[in-house]
Amino acid sequence: MGVMTSNRKRPEGCMNLVNHTTNSSPSDSHRKRLKFSPMPTRPASTSNGVVSRISRYPDAKPPLVREVHAPCSRPRRFHLSRAQSKTSASASDDDMGNLLERTYQKAKSSALATCRFLLPKGKEVIDVDVESIEVSEDSGVEEVVEVHDLEAKVVEGGVQRRSTSSPDSALTNNGNNLKVVSAGKTWGSEVHEHDLSDVHVYKKLLEAAHRRSDTLQRLHFEIELNEKRRDTFNLLRPKKELVEEVSREPFVPLTNEEENEVERAFSVNRKKILVTHENSNIEITGEKFWCLGPGAWLNDEVINLYLELLKEREQREPQKFLKCHFFNTFFYKKLISGRNGYDFKSVRRWTSQRKLGYGLFECDKIFVPIHKEIHWCLAVINKKDKKFQYLDSLKGRDNHVLHVLAKYFVDEVKDKTGKDIDVSTWEKEFVEDLPEQENGFDCGVFMIKYADFYSRGLGLCFKQEHMPYFRLRTAKEILRLKAD
């Protein structure tokens, strides 16, 4: 221990070793000097010398104690002594630090060994890299845990809790694609007991999630299949734009030039030939052309020429119109001119392959104009829908017409192909849903427009109010020898 000393000035009397009596006479002029006997020369210890010197001084008075109201830092003067003390202390704390470090690393490694790593998506591997963790060489941690093919599943009502069971025993026995690889040795001979209840709960939840996954996959497949079916149906469905365009085509208004051309044709000489159709050898004079004017009955020449133009239109654009055949107004009269009201031989050559270039059995629809004294009707052999149809703008009916046409079609197919066909199952229809005539002179216009719309594959979507327009349009088409 250090010794506290005082730097105050010593009193003069402190140097006297012998106390003189106070009764010494003042007459003594000479003081006797103190005589010191020679000390024997011997080595004295340092500590004894210090003690002997201190004993010569009076007791040191402690300095005044100052109250310290706040911590204060004093300058460190003895750096060398501090470094020496630190060096000595490090040697003593080395053993203690190693013990704490080993204890910490052992607890840390034990915690890592019992942890599980749940991945958000399946079939991934998480390697716990021991080198990335600062571990002392003597810690003895040599355990590496790898989790393979583990999928994190979300359970209804919250996130699935992690299991705290042993990776060495529980995870390798549950059979749910969990694989734990243990490399190296375990820490000593410690045996840890873990609760396996969480592992079984996790296994059940994982199996339930797999069952839900199969259901979702099946639903996803059904959705894709239905979408493909819908796309296929959309491709097969006719486009609305095309239907609207075709439906507007029969009602395209005439231009000013076309109207002027028709007006000039009505004002020409009655015997002047306006047009001649070479294929049918039909001539239209001014007198015959007048039947297309307001309030007139259509004659045979205008009807037959218009039906010829409809056939040429179909040959010109076969992809747009049905394959049809149009008999003229004399066919049905010739067919029923026999003694028994039926004569196939009289019309047998009308439909030869050399004359038509095709057979009637190849057509979708066959149109037959029917004239009854002062009224025009239309009969249709509808091979496409297997029907015999009768259309009358006055809602009339005639079973005999349909019976004669059914017999004729059987004879025609037998004569041209040698095959017998059965039409007894075909429907005989008197069309009810059709535009009706509201006067006594537009029956011919109704009849040719029935044939026009049916050959387009359209419904009969016109009315009596369209008759003036149809008269002008038919006149324009005859003058130009082209049906639109």
Protein backbone atom coordinates (compact mmCIF):
# COMPACT_ATOMS: atom_id res chain seq x y z
CA MET A 1 0.00 0.00 0.00
CA GLY A 2 1.10 3.54 -0.60
CA VAL A 3 1.87 5.96 2.17
CA MET A 4 0.31 9.37 2.39
CA THR A 5 2.75 12.15 3.08
CA SER A 6 2.36 15.82 3.73
CA ASN A 7 4.41 18.54 2.04
CA ARG A 8 3.90 21.06 4.73
CA LYS A 9 6.94 22.64 6.31
CA ARG A 10 8.24 20.70 9.20
CA PRO A 11 8.64 22.53 12.58
CA GLU A 12 12.03 23.09 13.90
CA GLY A 13 11.48 21.03 17.02
CA CYS A 14 10.68 17.91 15.04
CA MET A 15 14.36 17.32 14.29
CA ASN A 16 15.30 16.98 17.97
CA LEU A 17 15.44 13.41 19.03
CA VAL A 18 16.09 14.09 22.70
CA ASN A 19 13.70 16.13 24.74
CA HIS A 20 15.55 18.64 26.88
CA THR A 21 14.16 19.71 30.15
CA THR A 22 12.51 23.05 30.32
CA ASN A 23 14.55 23.86 33.44
CA SER A 24 17.85 24.25 31.62
CA SER A 25 19.51 27.33 32.75
CA PRO A 26 19.72 30.16 30.35
CA SER A 27 23.26 30.78 31.38
CA ASP A 28 24.57 27.94 29.44
CA SER A 29 26.11 29.60 26.47
CA HIS A 30 27.08 26.60 24.72
CA ARG A 31 24.78 23.88 23.75
CA LYS A 32 25.95 20.41 23.59
CA ARG A 33 25.80 18.91 20.20
CA LEU A 34 24.32 15.57 19.74
CA LYS A 35 26.71 12.82 19.01
CA PHE A 36 25.60 9.89 16.92
CA SER A 37 27.27 6.63 17.32
CA PRO A 38 28.30 5.11 14.08
CA MET A 39 25.77 2.69 12.76
CA PRO A 40 26.98 -0.63 11.59
CA THR A 41 26.91 -0.96 7.85
CA ARG A 42 24.38 -3.64 6.97
CA PRO A 43 21.91 -3.92 4.21
CA ALA A 44 18.47 -2.79 5.29
CA SER A 45 15.38 -3.69 3.52
CA THR A 46 13.55 -1.02 1.71
CA SER A 47 10.39 -1.55 3.62
CA ASN A 48 12.16 -1.26 6.98
CA GLY A 49 13.88 1.93 5.90
CA VAL A 50 10.58 3.49 4.88
CA VAL A 51 8.98 2.52 8.16
CA SER A 52 11.90 3.91 10.16
CA ARG A 53 11.74 7.17 8.29
CA ILE A 54 8.01 7.48 8.69
CA SER A 55 8.29 6.82 12.38
CA ARG A 56 10.37 9.94 12.76
CA TYR A 57 7.61 12.15 11.52
CA PRO A 58 4.51 13.07 13.40
CA ASP A 59 1.20 11.56 12.44
CA ALA A 60 -0.05 12.93 9.17
CA LYS A 61 -3.34 14.72 9.29
CA PRO A 62 -5.78 13.59 6.60
CA PRO A 63 -6.75 16.26 4.07
CA LEU A 64 -10.19 17.74 4.03
CA VAL A 65 -12.71 15.46 2.38
CA ARG A 66 -14.61 17.13 -0.46
CA GLU A 67 -18.12 15.98 -1.20
CA VAL A 68 -18.60 14.76 -4.77
CA HIS A 69 -22.09 15.41 -6.13
CA ALA A 70 -21.55 14.12 -9.69
CA PRO A 71 -19.32 11.56 -11.36
CA CYS A 72 -16.11 13.01 -12.61
CA SER A 73 -13.37 11.56 -14.68
CA ARG A 74 -9.82 11.98 -13.58
CA PRO A 75 -6.92 11.91 -15.96
CA ARG A 76 -5.14 8.65 -16.12
CA ARG A 77 -1.50 9.24 -15.43
CA PHE A 78 -0.12 5.79 -15.12
CA HIS A 79 -0.69 4.19 -18.57
CA LEU A 80 2.13 1.82 -18.14
CA SER A 81 0.81 0.45 -14.92
CA ARG A 82 -2.69 0.05 -16.49
CA ALA A 83 -1.33 -1.87 -19.43
CA GLN A 84 0.58 -4.13 -17.11
CA SER A 85 -2.50 -4.72 -15.00
CA LYS A 86 -4.57 -5.44 -18.11
CA THR A 87 -2.02 -7.94 -19.33
CA SER A 88 -2.05 -9.71 -16.04
CA ALA A 89 -5.85 -9.66 -15.90
CA SER A 90 -6.22 -11.12 -19.39
CA ALA A 91 -4.31 -14.14 -18.37
CA SER A 92 -6.61 -14.71 -15.42
CA ASP A 93 -9.83 -14.12 -17.46
CA ASP A 94 -8.79 -16.37 -20.35
CA ASP A 95 -10.07 -19.50 -18.71
CA MET A 96 -13.32 -17.86 -17.67
CA GLY A 97 -13.93 -16.43 -21.22
CA ASN A 98 -13.35 -19.78 -22.89
CA LEU A 99 -15.83 -21.41 -20.54
CA LEU A 100 -18.53 -18.83 -21.28
CA GLU A 101 -17.85 -18.98 -25.02
CA ARG A 102 -18.09 -22.74 -25.05
CA THR A 103 -21.32 -22.65 -23.05
CA TYR A 104 -22.81 -20.04 -25.41
CA GLN A 105 -21.83 -21.90 -28.58
CA LYS A 106 -23.12 -25.17 -27.18
CA ALA A 107 -26.51 -23.65 -26.40
CA LYS A 108 -26.63 -21.93 -29.81
CA SER A 109 -25.81 -25.15 -31.69
CA SER A 110 -28.40 -27.08 -29.69
CA ALA A 111 -31.04 -24.51 -30.61
CA LEU A 112 -30.14 -24.67 -34.30
CA ALA A 113 -30.30 -28.46 -34.29
CA THR A 114 -33.89 -28.51 -33.01
CA CYS A 115 -35.21 -25.82 -35.33
CA ARG A 116 -37.21 -26.48 -38.50
CA PHE A 117 -37.13 -24.36 -41.58
CA LEU A 118 -40.48 -24.13 -43.41
CA LEU A 119 -40.18 -22.95 -46.97
CA PRO A 120 -42.97 -20.94 -48.80
CA LYS A 121 -42.85 -23.18 -51.86
CA GLY A 122 -42.02 -26.85 -52.05
CA LYS A 123 -39.00 -28.85 -52.96
CA GLU A 124 -36.30 -26.46 -51.85
CA VAL A 125 -33.34 -27.17 -49.60
CA ILE A 126 -32.14 -24.93 -46.78
CA ASP A 127 -28.63 -25.69 -45.66
CA VAL A 128 -27.56 -24.39 -42.28
CA ASP A 129 -24.02 -23.28 -42.94
CA VAL A 130 -22.04 -23.69 -39.75
CA GLU A 131 -19.08 -21.78 -41.22
CA SER A 132 -21.23 -18.66 -41.53
CA ILE A 133 -21.74 -18.74 -37.72
CA GLU A 134 -18.79 -17.72 -35.63
CA VAL A 135 -17.95 -20.80 -33.58
CA SER A 136 -14.75 -21.40 -31.72
CA GLU A 137 -12.60 -24.30 -32.70
CA ASP A 138 -13.09 -26.12 -29.44
CA SER A 139 -16.88 -25.72 -29.40
CA GLY A 140 -17.43 -29.18 -30.84
CA VAL A 141 -20.35 -28.18 -33.10
CA GLU A 142 -20.40 -30.49 -36.11
CA GLU A 143 -24.14 -30.84 -36.80
CA VAL A 144 -25.61 -29.84 -40.22
CA VAL A 145 -29.36 -30.05 -40.78
CA GLU A 146 -30.91 -30.15 -44.29
CA VAL A 147 -34.67 -30.09 -44.89
CA HIS A 148 -35.77 -31.47 -48.29
CA ASP A 149 -39.12 -31.26 -50.09
CA LEU A 150 -40.87 -29.43 -47.30
CA GLU A 151 -43.80 -27.21 -48.26
CA ALA A 152 -45.16 -24.52 -46.01
CA LYS A 153 -48.90 -24.91 -45.76
CA VAL A 154 -51.40 -22.31 -44.59
CA VAL A 155 -54.13 -23.69 -42.37
CA GLU A 156 -57.56 -22.13 -42.24
CA GLY A 157 -57.69 -19.72 -39.35
CA GLY A 158 -54.01 -18.83 -39.27
CA VAL A 159 -50.49 -19.90 -40.06
CA GLN A 160 -49.47 -23.41 -39.21
CA ARG A 161 -47.26 -23.56 -36.12
CA ARG A 162 -43.80 -25.01 -36.32
CA SER A 163 -43.00 -28.24 -34.64
CA THR A 164 -40.31 -28.41 -31.99
CA SER A 165 -39.77 -32.14 -32.12
CA SER A 166 -36.44 -33.80 -32.66
CA PRO A 167 -35.18 -33.83 -36.26
CA ASP A 168 -33.28 -37.05 -35.68
CA SER A 169 -36.27 -39.12 -34.57
CA ALA A 170 -39.59 -37.51 -35.52
CA LEU A 171 -38.93 -35.97 -38.94
CA THR A 172 -37.39 -39.09 -40.40
CA ASN A 173 -40.33 -41.27 -39.29
CA ASN A 174 -43.35 -39.22 -40.43
CA GLY A 175 -43.01 -40.12 -44.11
CA ASN A 176 -44.11 -36.73 -45.46
CA ASN A 177 -41.23 -35.98 -47.77
CA LEU A 178 -39.15 -34.78 -44.81
CA LYS A 179 -35.52 -35.76 -44.81
CA VAL A 180 -32.99 -34.77 -42.16
CA VAL A 181 -29.36 -35.58 -42.77
CA SER A 182 -27.17 -35.62 -39.71
CA ALA A 183 -23.45 -35.43 -40.39
CA GLY A 184 -20.81 -35.84 -37.76
CA LYS A 185 -21.31 -36.64 -34.15
CA THR A 186 -23.79 -35.37 -31.66
CA TRP A 187 -22.84 -33.31 -28.68
CA GLY A 188 -21.55 -35.75 -26.12
CA SER A 189 -23.89 -38.34 -24.77
CA GLU A 190 -26.86 -36.02 -24.19
CA VAL A 191 -30.24 -37.51 -25.02
CA HIS A 192 -33.09 -35.07 -25.65
CA GLU A 193 -36.71 -36.15 -25.31
CA HIS A 194 -39.19 -34.32 -27.57
CA ASP A 195 -42.96 -34.30 -27.85
CA LEU A 196 -44.18 -35.86 -31.13
CA SER A 197 -47.77 -34.59 -30.92
CA ASP A 198 -47.02 -31.52 -33.04
CA VAL A 199 -45.48 -33.71 -35.75
CA HIS A 200 -48.65 -35.79 -36.06
CA VAL A 201 -50.79 -32.66 -36.21
CA TYR A 202 -48.55 -31.23 -38.89
CA LYS A 203 -48.75 -34.50 -40.83
CA LYS A 204 -52.57 -34.43 -40.82
CA LEU A 205 -52.67 -30.81 -41.90
CA LEU A 206 -50.21 -31.50 -44.69
CA GLU A 207 -52.30 -34.40 -45.98
CA ALA A 208 -55.44 -32.23 -45.90
CA ALA A 209 -53.61 -29.54 -47.87
CA HIS A 210 -52.57 -32.11 -50.48
CA ARG A 211 -56.20 -33.19 -50.88
CA ARG A 212 -57.25 -29.60 -51.40
CA SER A 213 -54.48 -29.19 -53.95
CA ASP A 214 -55.83 -32.10 -56.01
CA THR A 215 -59.32 -30.57 -55.95
CA LEU A 216 -57.99 -27.21 -57.11
CA GLN A 217 -56.07 -28.85 -59.94
CA ARG A 218 -59.20 -30.68 -61.09
CA LEU A 219 -61.23 -27.47 -61.03
CA HIS A 220 -58.51 -25.64 -62.94
CA PHE A 221 -58.56 -28.36 -65.62
CA GLU A 222 -62.36 -28.15 -65.93
CA ILE A 223 -62.19 -24.37 -66.29
CA GLU A 224 -59.63 -24.61 -69.10
CA LEU A 225 -61.70 -27.28 -70.85
CA ASN A 226 -64.87 -25.16 -70.70
CA GLU A 227 -62.99 -22.13 -72.02
CA LYS A 228 -61.78 -24.14 -75.00
CA ARG A 229 -65.31 -25.35 -75.68
CA ARG A 230 -66.62 -21.80 -75.53
CA ASP A 231 -63.97 -20.64 -78.02
CA THR A 232 -64.92 -23.50 -80.36
CA PHE A 233 -68.60 -22.59 -80.19
CA ASN A 234 -67.77 -18.95 -80.89
CA LEU A 235 -65.90 -19.97 -84.03
CA LEU A 236 -68.83 -22.06 -85.24
CA ARG A 237 -71.37 -19.35 -84.44
CA PRO A 238 -72.03 -16.99 -87.39
CA LYS A 239 -70.79 -13.49 -86.92
CA LYS A 240 -73.41 -10.87 -86.25
CA GLU A 241 -71.79 -8.36 -88.58
CA LEU A 242 -72.16 -10.69 -91.55
CA VAL A 243 -75.79 -11.50 -90.72
CA GLU A 244 -76.65 -7.83 -90.43
CA GLU A 245 -74.84 -7.03 -93.67
CA VAL A 246 -76.72 -9.77 -95.59
CA SER A 247 -80.06 -8.79 -94.05
CA ARG A 248 -79.58 -5.20 -95.20
CA GLU A 249 -78.58 -6.20 -98.70
CA PRO A 250 -82.12 -6.96 -99.97
CA PHE A 251 -83.18 -3.45 -98.92
CA VAL A 252 -80.41 -1.33 -100.41
CA PRO A 253 -82.09 1.82 -101.76
CA LEU A 254 -81.73 2.78 -105.41
CA THR A 255 -79.50 5.64 -106.38
CA ASN A 256 -80.79 8.65 -108.32
CA GLU A 257 -79.21 7.33 -111.48
CA GLU A 258 -80.96 3.97 -111.14
CA GLU A 259 -84.32 5.60 -110.44
CA ASN A 260 -83.97 7.80 -113.54
CA GLU A 261 -83.11 4.76 -115.63
CA VAL A 262 -86.26 2.94 -114.48
CA GLU A 263 -88.45 5.99 -115.15
CA ARG A 264 -87.14 6.28 -118.71
CA ALA A 265 -87.88 2.55 -119.31
CA PHE A 266 -91.49 3.03 -118.28
CA SER A 267 -91.92 5.88 -120.79
CA VAL A 268 -90.54 4.08 -123.89
CA ASN A 269 -92.58 2.71 -126.77
CA ARG A 270 -94.57 -0.35 -125.77
CA LYS A 271 -93.16 -2.46 -128.65
CA LYS A 272 -89.56 -1.52 -128.10
CA ILE A 273 -87.37 -4.34 -126.84
CA LEU A 274 -85.63 -3.15 -123.72
CA VAL A 275 -83.53 -6.26 -122.90
CA THR A 276 -82.93 -9.77 -124.24
CA HIS A 277 -81.67 -12.64 -122.13
CA GLU A 278 -79.55 -14.90 -124.34
CA ASN A 279 -79.49 -18.06 -122.16
CA SER A 280 -83.28 -18.25 -121.80
CA ASN A 281 -84.04 -16.34 -125.04
CA ILE A 282 -86.48 -14.10 -123.19
CA GLU A 283 -87.21 -10.63 -124.57
CA ILE A 284 -88.68 -7.84 -122.51
CA THR A 285 -90.49 -5.16 -124.44
CA GLY A 286 -91.87 -1.90 -123.14
CA GLU A 287 -95.36 -3.37 -122.91
CA LYS A 288 -94.23 -6.37 -120.81
CA PHE A 289 -92.06 -4.14 -118.69
CA TRP A 290 -95.09 -2.07 -117.63
CA CYS A 291 -96.27 -4.90 -115.35
CA LEU A 292 -93.62 -3.76 -112.85
CA GLY A 293 -95.40 -0.45 -112.42
CA PRO A 294 -97.72 0.28 -109.46
CA GLY A 295 -100.96 -1.74 -109.30
CA ALA A 296 -100.10 -4.20 -112.17
CA TRP A 297 -100.00 -7.99 -112.24
CA LEU A 298 -96.65 -9.62 -113.07
CA ASN A 299 -96.58 -11.59 -116.32
CA ASP A 300 -94.76 -14.85 -117.10
CA GLU A 301 -91.86 -13.23 -119.02
CA VAL A 302 -90.86 -10.91 -116.18
CA ILE A 303 -91.16 -13.68 -113.56
CA ASN A 304 -89.22 -16.22 -115.64
CA LEU A 305 -86.44 -13.73 -116.46
CA TYR A 306 -86.07 -12.73 -112.83
CA LEU A 307 -85.81 -16.39 -111.76
CA GLU A 308 -83.10 -16.89 -114.40
CA LEU A 309 -81.20 -13.93 -112.91
CA LEU A 310 -81.45 -15.49 -109.44
CA LYS A 311 -79.85 -18.70 -110.78
CA GLU A 312 -77.04 -16.74 -112.39
CA ARG A 313 -76.47 -14.89 -109.13
CA GLU A 314 -76.04 -18.17 -107.29
CA GLN A 315 -73.58 -19.43 -109.90
CA ARG A 316 -71.69 -16.15 -109.69
CA GLU A 317 -71.31 -16.31 -105.90
CA PRO A 318 -71.87 -19.93 -104.81
CA GLN A 319 -70.30 -19.37 -101.36
CA LYS A 320 -72.87 -16.71 -100.55
CA PHE A 321 -76.09 -18.37 -101.75
CA LEU A 322 -77.66 -21.81 -101.51
CA LYS A 323 -77.47 -24.19 -104.45
CA CYS A 324 -80.92 -23.91 -106.00
CA HIS A 325 -82.88 -24.62 -109.13
CA PHE A 326 -85.69 -22.39 -110.43
CA PHE A 327 -88.34 -23.84 -112.70
CA ASN A 328 -90.22 -21.43 -114.92
CA THR A 329 -93.93 -20.70 -114.76
CA PHE A 330 -94.78 -23.35 -117.43
CA PHE A 331 -93.25 -26.35 -115.63
CA TYR A 332 -96.11 -27.17 -113.25
CA LYS A 333 -98.73 -26.75 -115.97
CA LYS A 334 -96.82 -29.21 -118.15
CA LEU A 335 -96.37 -31.67 -115.27
CA ILE A 336 -100.10 -31.93 -114.52
CA SER A 337 -101.21 -31.93 -118.16
CA GLY A 338 -101.53 -35.75 -118.35
CA ARG A 339 -104.70 -37.79 -118.39
CA ASN A 340 -104.45 -38.65 -114.71
CA GLY A 341 -103.24 -35.21 -113.71
CA TYR A 342 -99.60 -36.26 -113.72
CA ASP A 343 -97.18 -36.67 -116.64
CA PHE A 344 -93.53 -37.11 -115.78
CA LYS A 345 -92.48 -37.91 -119.34
CA SER A 346 -93.55 -34.49 -120.54
CA VAL A 347 -90.93 -32.78 -118.32
CA ARG A 348 -88.33 -35.56 -118.22
CA ARG A 349 -85.89 -33.76 -120.55
CA TRP A 350 -86.18 -30.42 -118.80
CA THR A 351 -83.60 -31.43 -116.20
CA SER A 352 -81.03 -33.41 -118.16
CA GLN A 353 -77.40 -33.22 -117.09
CA ARG A 354 -76.39 -31.89 -120.49
CA LYS A 355 -78.88 -29.06 -120.33
CA LEU A 356 -78.46 -27.97 -116.70
CA GLY A 357 -74.92 -29.05 -115.95
CA TYR A 358 -76.06 -30.49 -112.61
CA GLY A 359 -78.77 -32.78 -111.22
CA LEU A 360 -81.78 -31.77 -109.16
CA PHE A 361 -80.76 -34.19 -106.39
CA GLU A 362 -77.63 -32.03 -105.89
CA CYS A 363 -79.65 -28.90 -105.08
CA ASP A 364 -80.61 -27.71 -101.60
CA LYS A 365 -83.90 -26.18 -102.73
CA ILE A 366 -86.01 -26.40 -105.88
CA PHE A 367 -88.50 -23.57 -106.56
CA VAL A 368 -91.68 -24.18 -108.59
CA PRO A 369 -93.94 -21.18 -109.44
CA ILE A 370 -97.65 -22.09 -109.23
CA HIS A 371 -100.18 -20.03 -111.18
CA LYS A 372 -103.85 -20.41 -110.26
CA GLU A 373 -105.92 -18.46 -112.78
CA ILE A 374 -105.36 -15.01 -111.34
CA HIS A 375 -103.07 -15.74 -108.38
CA TRP A 376 -99.40 -16.60 -107.97
CA CYS A 377 -98.07 -19.03 -105.33
CA LEU A 378 -94.75 -20.74 -104.73
CA ALA A 379 -93.96 -24.42 -104.00
CA VAL A 380 -90.54 -25.52 -102.70
CA ILE A 381 -88.87 -28.95 -102.69
CA ASN A 382 -86.63 -28.37 -99.67
CA LYS A 383 -84.10 -31.20 -99.82
CA LYS A 384 -81.91 -29.53 -97.20
CA ASP A 385 -84.60 -29.68 -94.50
CA LYS A 386 -86.55 -32.61 -96.04
CA LYS A 387 -89.74 -30.66 -96.54
CA PHE A 388 -92.30 -29.90 -99.20
CA GLN A 389 -93.37 -26.31 -98.63
CA TYR A 390 -96.24 -24.25 -99.96
CA LEU A 391 -96.23 -20.43 -99.71
CA ASP A 392 -99.30 -18.35 -100.48
CA SER A 393 -99.45 -14.65 -99.71
CA LEU A 394 -103.19 -15.07 -99.09
CA LYS A 395 -102.66 -18.01 -96.70
CA GLY A 396 -104.18 -20.53 -99.12
CA ARG A 397 -103.46 -24.29 -99.08
CA ASP A 398 -103.23 -26.94 -101.78
CA ASN A 399 -102.33 -30.50 -100.78
CA HIS A 400 -102.48 -31.70 -104.38
CA VAL A 401 -99.52 -29.49 -105.36
CA LEU A 402 -97.33 -30.98 -102.63
CA HIS A 403 -98.43 -34.52 -103.49
CA VAL A 404 -97.57 -34.05 -107.20
CA LEU A 405 -94.14 -32.53 -106.39
CA ALA A 406 -93.30 -35.39 -104.00
CA LYS A 407 -94.09 -37.95 -106.72
CA TYR A 408 -92.14 -35.98 -109.31
CA PHE A 409 -89.00 -35.80 -107.11
CA VAL A 410 -89.02 -39.57 -106.55
CA ASP A 411 -89.37 -40.19 -110.31
CA GLU A 412 -86.67 -37.65 -111.12
CA VAL A 413 -84.09 -39.19 -108.78
CA LYS A 414 -84.97 -42.68 -110.05
CA ASP A 415 -84.63 -41.57 -113.67
CA LYS A 416 -81.34 -39.70 -113.29
CA THR A 417 -79.53 -41.82 -110.67
CA GLY A 418 -81.37 -45.16 -110.64
CA LYS A 419 -81.94 -44.89 -106.87
CA ASP A 420 -85.18 -45.22 -105.02
CA ILE A 421 -85.69 -42.66 -102.26
CA ASP A 422 -88.38 -42.57 -99.61
CA VAL A 423 -90.01 -39.18 -99.06
CA SER A 424 -92.87 -40.45 -96.96
CA THR A 425 -91.17 -39.11 -93.84
CA TRP A 426 -90.67 -35.64 -95.30
CA GLU A 427 -92.82 -32.92 -93.84
CA LYS A 428 -95.50 -31.20 -95.92
CA GLU A 429 -95.60 -27.65 -94.66
CA PHE A 430 -97.94 -24.80 -95.42
CA VAL A 431 -95.90 -21.86 -94.29
CA GLU A 432 -97.90 -19.69 -91.93
CA ASP A 433 -95.27 -17.26 -90.72
CA LEU A 434 -94.84 -15.28 -93.95
CA PRO A 435 -95.60 -11.78 -95.23
CA GLU A 436 -99.23 -11.42 -96.28
CA GLN A 437 -100.65 -9.65 -99.28
CA GLU A 438 -102.98 -6.75 -98.49
CA ASN A 439 -104.24 -5.98 -101.99
CA GLY A 440 -105.26 -7.81 -105.17
CA PHE A 441 -102.26 -7.22 -107.45
CA ASP A 442 -98.94 -7.82 -105.54
CA CYS A 443 -99.12 -11.63 -105.40
CA GLY A 444 -96.52 -12.00 -108.18
CA VAL A 445 -94.06 -9.68 -106.34
CA PHE A 446 -94.58 -11.63 -103.12
CA MET A 447 -93.91 -14.90 -104.94
CA ILE A 448 -90.58 -13.87 -106.50
CA LYS A 449 -89.44 -12.31 -103.19
CA TYR A 450 -90.19 -15.56 -101.39
CA ALA A 451 -87.79 -17.27 -103.77
CA ASP A 452 -85.21 -14.45 -103.43
CA PHE A 453 -85.04 -14.58 -99.62
CA TYR A 454 -85.12 -18.38 -99.39
CA SER A 455 -82.26 -18.69 -101.87
CA ARG A 456 -80.22 -16.38 -99.62
CA GLY A 457 -80.94 -18.61 -96.62
CA LEU A 458 -82.85 -15.75 -94.94
CA GLY A 459 -86.20 -15.55 -93.28
CA LEU A 460 -89.09 -13.73 -94.90
CA CYS A 461 -88.46 -10.40 -93.21
CA PHE A 462 -90.40 -8.02 -95.42
CA LYS A 463 -93.92 -6.61 -95.47
CA GLN A 464 -96.55 -5.19 -97.76
CA GLU A 465 -95.06 -1.72 -97.39
CA HIS A 466 -91.87 -2.89 -99.15
CA MET A 467 -93.72 -3.80 -102.38
CA PRO A 468 -93.25 -0.43 -104.17
CA TYR A 469 -89.51 -0.62 -103.50
CA PHE A 470 -89.32 -4.25 -104.69
CA ARG A 471 -91.08 -3.32 -107.95
CA LEU A 472 -88.49 -0.60 -108.67
CA ARG A 473 -85.59 -2.86 -107.65
CA THR A 474 -86.81 -5.73 -109.83
CA ALA A 475 -87.20 -3.34 -112.77
CA LYS A 476 -83.65 -2.09 -112.29
CA GLU A 477 -82.25 -5.68 -112.08
CA ILE A 478 -84.10 -6.73 -115.27
CA LEU A 479 -82.84 -3.70 -117.17
CA ARG A 480 -79.26 -4.54 -116.15
CA LEU A 481 -79.79 -8.33 -116.39
CA LYS A 482 -78.18 -8.82 -113.00
CA ALA A 483 -79.81 -9.71 -109.70
CA ASP A 484 -78.20 -8.18 -106.62
